Each structure stands twice: as structure tokens, then as C-alpha cells.
Amino acid sequence: MTGRIAVDTNAVVALFREEDAAPRELRETSEIVVPLPVAGELFAGAYSSMRKGENLPIVHDFLARRTVLAPDHETARRYGELRALFRFHAITPSKMVDLWIAALCVQHDLPLLTNDHGFDAIGELRVIHW
């Protein structure tokens, strides 16, 4: 069993869809950490779904059993650093959220489990693809 790992939204959704098909890293880690922007994306997905009544309790239950990392002053500084680094790139609102996720992971020295290769451009971030 490995230590702590942060998760991107796509890894959590894979876990929700079918636990047996979830990324192996989620089953082998001792602690799953959820960056606050990921929690927001999970709630947005549940509220937007056709099965809101089923999905909202799943999100609540998952988050209640996890450490949720909230941004603070240091996270804002790291986000600003990353945002400035990518200032010449077209950044969509979802990619801005990804920068917050990356800032939290870098700040807390956590690898991020994701299948989004957009995170690969962030040199300080340890990315684990599944």
C-alpha cells in the first residue's frame, strides 16, 4: 500500500462508475486526498446529472471519508505562479480549475492521479496516469 495520493475528477468518476474498474492506485493507497476544486467538479456533475437524487449522496459519502484540501494564501501564491507561467496559452475555465488543483498538489507535495495529460506541462507536479 502506498502513501497519500490526490485525485483528479476523472479518477473519482471511474471509481464511482465501477469500483473494480477503478484505477489500481486508488485501491493501493493508504489515503485518498481530494483537492477542493475536484470536490466542486464532483458536485457539479451530480447536480447536472439526470440521477441527481442518486448521485449527490454518493458524492457526499465519498467526500465525508476523505481529506479535502482547501486553498489558502500559499495555494493562491502557487496558483499565481502557475497562471503566470501559462499566461501566453489560451486557458479555458476548466484549465484554470486544473491550475488550482495543481497548485494544491504542489503545495502539499502530493502526486495527482489523473488521465488528463494537460497536467504533464506543469513541471513541479508529480502526475500518475492510469
C-alpha atoms as a PDB file:
ATOM      1  CA  MET A   1       0.000   0.000   0.000  1.00  0.00           C
ATOM      2  CA  THR A   2       1.370   3.424  -0.930  1.00  0.00           C
ATOM      3  CA  GLY A   3       1.007   6.695   0.942  1.00  0.00           C
ATOM      4  CA  ARG A   4      -1.185   9.660   0.142  1.00  0.00           C
ATOM      5  CA  ILE A   5      -2.381  10.485  -3.352  1.00  0.00           C
ATOM      6  CA  ALA A   6      -4.511  13.339  -4.678  1.00  0.00           C
ATOM      7  CA  VAL A   7      -7.199  12.551  -7.223  1.00  0.00           C
ATOM      8  CA  ASP A   8      -8.496  14.393 -10.237  1.00  0.00           C
ATOM      9  CA  THR A   9     -12.201  14.290 -11.019  1.00  0.00           C
ATOM     10  CA  ASN A  10     -11.829  11.670 -13.754  1.00  0.00           C
ATOM     11  CA  ALA A  11     -10.255   9.175 -11.336  1.00  0.00           C
ATOM     12  CA  VAL A  12     -13.097   9.590  -8.836  1.00  0.00           C
ATOM     13  CA  VAL A  13     -15.729   9.243 -11.553  1.00  0.00           C
ATOM     14  CA  ALA A  14     -14.071   5.996 -12.676  1.00  0.00           C
ATOM     15  CA  LEU A  15     -14.308   4.768  -9.094  1.00  0.00           C
ATOM     16  CA  PHE A  16     -17.993   5.760  -8.897  1.00  0.00           C
ATOM     17  CA  ARG A  17     -18.830   4.007 -12.158  1.00  0.00           C
ATOM     18  CA  GLU A  18     -17.366   0.648 -11.236  1.00  0.00           C
ATOM     19  CA  GLU A  19     -15.148   0.103  -8.228  1.00  0.00           C
ATOM     20  CA  ASP A  20     -13.484  -2.978  -9.747  1.00  0.00           C
ATOM     21  CA  ALA A  21     -12.508  -0.957 -12.825  1.00  0.00           C
ATOM     22  CA  ALA A  22     -11.197   1.992 -10.812  1.00  0.00           C
ATOM     23  CA  PRO A  23      -7.541   2.925 -11.177  1.00  0.00           C
ATOM     24  CA  ARG A  24      -5.345   0.433  -9.334  1.00  0.00           C
ATOM     25  CA  GLU A  25      -3.677   3.291  -7.453  1.00  0.00           C
ATOM     26  CA  LEU A  26      -6.969   4.097  -5.701  1.00  0.00           C
ATOM     27  CA  ARG A  27      -7.144   0.592  -4.296  1.00  0.00           C
ATOM     28  CA  GLU A  28      -3.479   0.540  -3.244  1.00  0.00           C
ATOM     29  CA  THR A  29      -3.112   3.888  -1.499  1.00  0.00           C
ATOM     30  CA  SER A  30      -3.485   4.431   2.223  1.00  0.00           C
ATOM     31  CA  GLU A  31      -5.108   7.871   1.858  1.00  0.00           C
ATOM     32  CA  ILE A  32      -7.016   9.493  -0.995  1.00  0.00           C
ATOM     33  CA  VAL A  33      -6.871  13.280  -0.830  1.00  0.00           C
ATOM     34  CA  VAL A  34      -9.373  15.439  -2.729  1.00  0.00           C
ATOM     35  CA  PRO A  35      -8.443  18.970  -3.805  1.00  0.00           C
ATOM     36  CA  LEU A  36     -11.395  21.298  -3.142  1.00  0.00           C
ATOM     37  CA  PRO A  37     -11.822  22.159  -6.858  1.00  0.00           C
ATOM     38  CA  VAL A  38     -12.261  18.422  -7.542  1.00  0.00           C
ATOM     39  CA  ALA A  39     -14.997  18.284  -4.888  1.00  0.00           C
ATOM     40  CA  GLY A  40     -16.700  21.177  -6.678  1.00  0.00           C
ATOM     41  CA  GLU A  41     -16.479  19.398 -10.020  1.00  0.00           C
ATOM     42  CA  LEU A  42     -17.954  16.244  -8.464  1.00  0.00           C
ATOM     43  CA  PHE A  43     -20.895  18.210  -7.073  1.00  0.00           C
ATOM     44  CA  ALA A  44     -21.378  19.996 -10.408  1.00  0.00           C
ATOM     45  CA  GLY A  45     -21.550  16.637 -12.150  1.00  0.00           C
ATOM     46  CA  ALA A  46     -24.046  15.274  -9.622  1.00  0.00           C
ATOM     47  CA  TYR A  47     -26.271  18.363  -9.818  1.00  0.00           C
ATOM     48  CA  SER A  48     -26.149  18.247 -13.636  1.00  0.00           C
ATOM     49  CA  SER A  49     -26.993  14.565 -13.910  1.00  0.00           C
ATOM     50  CA  MET A  50     -30.324  13.015 -14.727  1.00  0.00           C
ATOM     51  CA  ARG A  51     -29.962  10.986 -11.490  1.00  0.00           C
ATOM     52  CA  LYS A  52     -29.223  13.834  -9.101  1.00  0.00           C
ATOM     53  CA  GLY A  53     -31.040  12.105  -6.212  1.00  0.00           C
ATOM     54  CA  GLU A  54     -28.778   9.056  -6.537  1.00  0.00           C
ATOM     55  CA  ASN A  55     -25.524  10.847  -7.314  1.00  0.00           C
ATOM     56  CA  LEU A  56     -25.495  13.567  -4.646  1.00  0.00           C
ATOM     57  CA  PRO A  57     -25.399  11.077  -1.733  1.00  0.00           C
ATOM     58  CA  ILE A  58     -22.566   9.200  -3.460  1.00  0.00           C
ATOM     59  CA  VAL A  59     -20.509  12.408  -3.675  1.00  0.00           C
ATOM     60  CA  HIS A  60     -21.352  13.381  -0.068  1.00  0.00           C
ATOM     61  CA  ASP A  61     -20.378   9.926   1.216  1.00  0.00           C
ATOM     62  CA  PHE A  62     -17.127   9.837  -0.753  1.00  0.00           C
ATOM     63  CA  LEU A  63     -16.037  13.283   0.451  1.00  0.00           C
ATOM     64  CA  ALA A  64     -17.050  12.597   4.066  1.00  0.00           C
ATOM     65  CA  ARG A  65     -14.482   9.779   4.168  1.00  0.00           C
ATOM     66  CA  ARG A  66     -11.624  11.785   2.605  1.00  0.00           C
ATOM     67  CA  THR A  67      -9.327  14.650   3.398  1.00  0.00           C
ATOM     68  CA  VAL A  68     -10.418  17.629   1.299  1.00  0.00           C
ATOM     69  CA  LEU A  69      -7.623  20.139   0.678  1.00  0.00           C
ATOM     70  CA  ALA A  70      -8.803  23.744   0.722  1.00  0.00           C
ATOM     71  CA  PRO A  71      -6.810  26.568  -0.851  1.00  0.00           C
ATOM     72  CA  ASP A  72      -5.113  29.103   1.381  1.00  0.00           C
ATOM     73  CA  HIS A  73      -2.742  32.050   0.954  1.00  0.00           C
ATOM     74  CA  GLU A  74       0.144  29.780  -0.104  1.00  0.00           C
ATOM     75  CA  THR A  75      -2.072  27.973  -2.611  1.00  0.00           C
ATOM     76  CA  ALA A  76      -3.033  31.334  -4.109  1.00  0.00           C
ATOM     77  CA  ARG A  77       0.650  32.232  -4.464  1.00  0.00           C
ATOM     78  CA  ARG A  78       1.400  28.937  -6.207  1.00  0.00           C
ATOM     79  CA  TYR A  79      -1.661  29.326  -8.445  1.00  0.00           C
ATOM     80  CA  GLY A  80      -0.449  32.805  -9.387  1.00  0.00           C
ATOM     81  CA  GLU A  81       2.964  31.389 -10.235  1.00  0.00           C
ATOM     82  CA  LEU A  82       1.439  28.703 -12.466  1.00  0.00           C
ATOM     83  CA  ARG A  83      -1.040  31.098 -14.074  1.00  0.00           C
ATOM     84  CA  ALA A  84       1.801  33.491 -14.943  1.00  0.00           C
ATOM     85  CA  LEU A  85       3.814  30.611 -16.385  1.00  0.00           C
ATOM     86  CA  PHE A  86       0.952  29.820 -18.779  1.00  0.00           C
ATOM     87  CA  ARG A  87      -0.065  33.445 -19.475  1.00  0.00           C
ATOM     88  CA  PHE A  88       0.593  33.099 -23.202  1.00  0.00           C
ATOM     89  CA  HIS A  89      -1.542  29.979 -23.533  1.00  0.00           C
ATOM     90  CA  ALA A  90      -5.271  30.069 -24.149  1.00  0.00           C
ATOM     91  CA  ILE A  91      -6.668  28.886 -20.842  1.00  0.00           C
ATOM     92  CA  THR A  92     -10.256  27.737 -20.651  1.00  0.00           C
ATOM     93  CA  PRO A  93     -12.202  27.949 -17.381  1.00  0.00           C
ATOM     94  CA  SER A  94     -11.722  24.204 -16.823  1.00  0.00           C
ATOM     95  CA  LYS A  95      -7.956  24.591 -17.259  1.00  0.00           C
ATOM     96  CA  MET A  96      -7.976  27.386 -14.661  1.00  0.00           C
ATOM     97  CA  VAL A  97      -9.572  24.910 -12.262  1.00  0.00           C
ATOM     98  CA  ASP A  98      -6.790  22.460 -13.168  1.00  0.00           C
ATOM     99  CA  LEU A  99      -4.216  25.081 -12.166  1.00  0.00           C
ATOM    100  CA  TRP A 100      -5.847  25.330  -8.716  1.00  0.00           C
ATOM    101  CA  ILE A 101      -5.751  21.531  -8.424  1.00  0.00           C
ATOM    102  CA  ALA A 102      -2.080  21.519  -9.437  1.00  0.00           C
ATOM    103  CA  ALA A 103      -1.259  24.349  -7.008  1.00  0.00           C
ATOM    104  CA  LEU A 104      -2.773  22.378  -4.114  1.00  0.00           C
ATOM    105  CA  CYS A 105      -0.899  19.216  -5.078  1.00  0.00           C
ATOM    106  CA  VAL A 106       2.437  21.007  -5.426  1.00  0.00           C
ATOM    107  CA  GLN A 107       1.906  22.867  -2.157  1.00  0.00           C
ATOM    108  CA  HIS A 108       1.189  19.653  -0.242  1.00  0.00           C
ATOM    109  CA  ASP A 109       3.752  17.572  -2.157  1.00  0.00           C
ATOM    110  CA  LEU A 110       1.113  15.127  -3.394  1.00  0.00           C
ATOM    111  CA  PRO A 111       1.127  13.186  -6.646  1.00  0.00           C
ATOM    112  CA  LEU A 112      -2.023  13.624  -8.737  1.00  0.00           C
ATOM    113  CA  LEU A 113      -3.848  10.622 -10.171  1.00  0.00           C
ATOM    114  CA  THR A 114      -5.448  11.644 -13.471  1.00  0.00           C
ATOM    115  CA  ASN A 115      -5.906  10.636 -17.079  1.00  0.00           C
ATOM    116  CA  ASP A 116      -5.707  14.288 -18.188  1.00  0.00           C
ATOM    117  CA  HIS A 117      -2.384  14.822 -19.968  1.00  0.00           C
ATOM    118  CA  GLY A 118      -2.774  18.596 -19.654  1.00  0.00           C
ATOM    119  CA  PHE A 119      -1.218  18.319 -16.198  1.00  0.00           C
ATOM    120  CA  ASP A 120       2.010  16.987 -17.739  1.00  0.00           C
ATOM    121  CA  ALA A 121       3.064  20.532 -18.676  1.00  0.00           C
ATOM    122  CA  ILE A 122       3.372  21.510 -15.007  1.00  0.00           C
ATOM    123  CA  GLY A 123       6.960  20.636 -14.166  1.00  0.00           C
ATOM    124  CA  GLU A 124       6.685  20.687 -10.359  1.00  0.00           C
ATOM    125  CA  LEU A 125       3.659  18.403 -10.334  1.00  0.00           C
ATOM    126  CA  ARG A 126       4.064  14.641  -9.976  1.00  0.00           C
ATOM    127  CA  VAL A 127       1.428  13.102 -12.258  1.00  0.00           C
ATOM    128  CA  ILE A 128       0.336   9.490 -12.195  1.00  0.00           C
ATOM    129  CA  HIS A 129      -1.652   8.421 -15.250  1.00  0.00           C
ATOM    130  CA  TRP A 130      -3.976   5.439 -15.156  1.00  0.00           C
END
